[in-house]
């Protein structure tokens, strides 16, 4: 059975442009790159929801979103 495609949360043109350029380097972006990144964003949202709920809150705060630098 085919997996239902989730709604795109990213602005395609802006995301592709960010993926393509990094300082002096230029990268190609495959057709499925946005779909993969969109799935990751959905996962981040789910993790933030779970963390807020685990802390007894209904408000998602910036620190609920797992981000590494």
Protein backbone atom coordinates (compact mmCIF):
# COMPACT_ATOMS: atom_id res chain seq x y z
CA UNK A 1 0.00 0.00 0.00
CA UNK A 2 1.31 3.45 -0.91
CA UNK A 3 2.26 5.81 1.88
CA UNK A 4 0.08 8.93 2.03
CA UNK A 5 2.12 12.00 1.18
CA UNK A 6 2.12 14.65 3.88
CA UNK A 7 1.43 18.30 3.20
CA UNK A 8 4.57 20.26 2.31
CA UNK A 9 5.57 22.50 5.22
CA UNK A 10 8.52 24.08 3.40
CA UNK A 11 8.62 26.79 0.75
CA UNK A 12 10.14 24.80 -2.12
CA UNK A 13 12.03 27.55 -3.96
CA UNK A 14 13.50 29.08 -0.79
CA UNK A 15 14.53 25.70 0.63
CA UNK A 16 16.12 24.58 -2.65
CA UNK A 17 18.08 27.84 -2.85
CA UNK A 18 19.34 27.38 0.72
CA UNK A 19 20.38 23.80 -0.06
CA UNK A 20 22.12 24.77 -3.31
CA UNK A 21 24.45 27.46 -2.01
CA UNK A 22 26.86 27.45 0.88
CA UNK A 23 29.46 30.19 0.67
CA UNK A 24 31.62 29.48 -2.37
CA UNK A 25 30.30 25.94 -2.93
CA UNK A 26 27.27 25.10 -5.08
CA UNK A 27 25.31 21.87 -4.72
CA UNK A 28 22.76 20.08 -6.87
CA UNK A 29 19.42 19.28 -5.20
CA UNK A 30 17.70 15.99 -6.09
CA UNK A 31 13.99 15.81 -6.74
CA UNK A 32 13.35 13.90 -3.50
CA UNK A 33 15.45 16.15 -1.24
CA UNK A 34 12.52 18.39 -0.29
CA UNK A 35 10.36 15.37 0.53
CA UNK A 36 13.06 13.99 2.82
CA UNK A 37 13.55 17.33 4.54
CA UNK A 38 9.78 17.73 4.90
CA UNK A 39 9.59 14.32 6.64
CA UNK A 40 12.33 15.46 9.01
CA UNK A 41 10.41 18.66 9.83
CA UNK A 42 7.31 16.57 10.62
CA UNK A 43 9.46 14.43 12.93
CA UNK A 44 10.81 17.56 14.68
CA UNK A 45 7.24 18.81 15.18
CA UNK A 46 6.20 15.48 16.68
CA UNK A 47 9.19 15.46 19.04
CA UNK A 48 8.42 19.02 20.18
CA UNK A 49 4.79 18.08 20.85
CA UNK A 50 5.84 15.06 22.90
CA UNK A 51 8.35 17.08 24.92
CA UNK A 52 5.83 19.82 25.73
CA UNK A 53 3.25 17.22 26.74
CA UNK A 54 5.79 15.38 28.91
CA UNK A 55 6.45 18.67 30.69
CA UNK A 56 2.73 19.28 31.30
CA UNK A 57 2.44 22.10 28.77
CA UNK A 58 0.23 22.74 25.77
CA UNK A 59 2.54 25.45 24.48
CA UNK A 60 5.51 24.40 22.38
CA UNK A 61 8.55 26.49 23.25
CA UNK A 62 11.72 27.00 21.22
CA UNK A 63 13.65 24.65 23.53
CA UNK A 64 11.17 21.84 22.75
CA UNK A 65 12.46 21.79 19.19
CA UNK A 66 15.52 19.57 18.98
CA UNK A 67 18.20 21.49 17.14
CA UNK A 68 21.93 21.03 17.13
CA UNK A 69 24.53 23.52 16.06
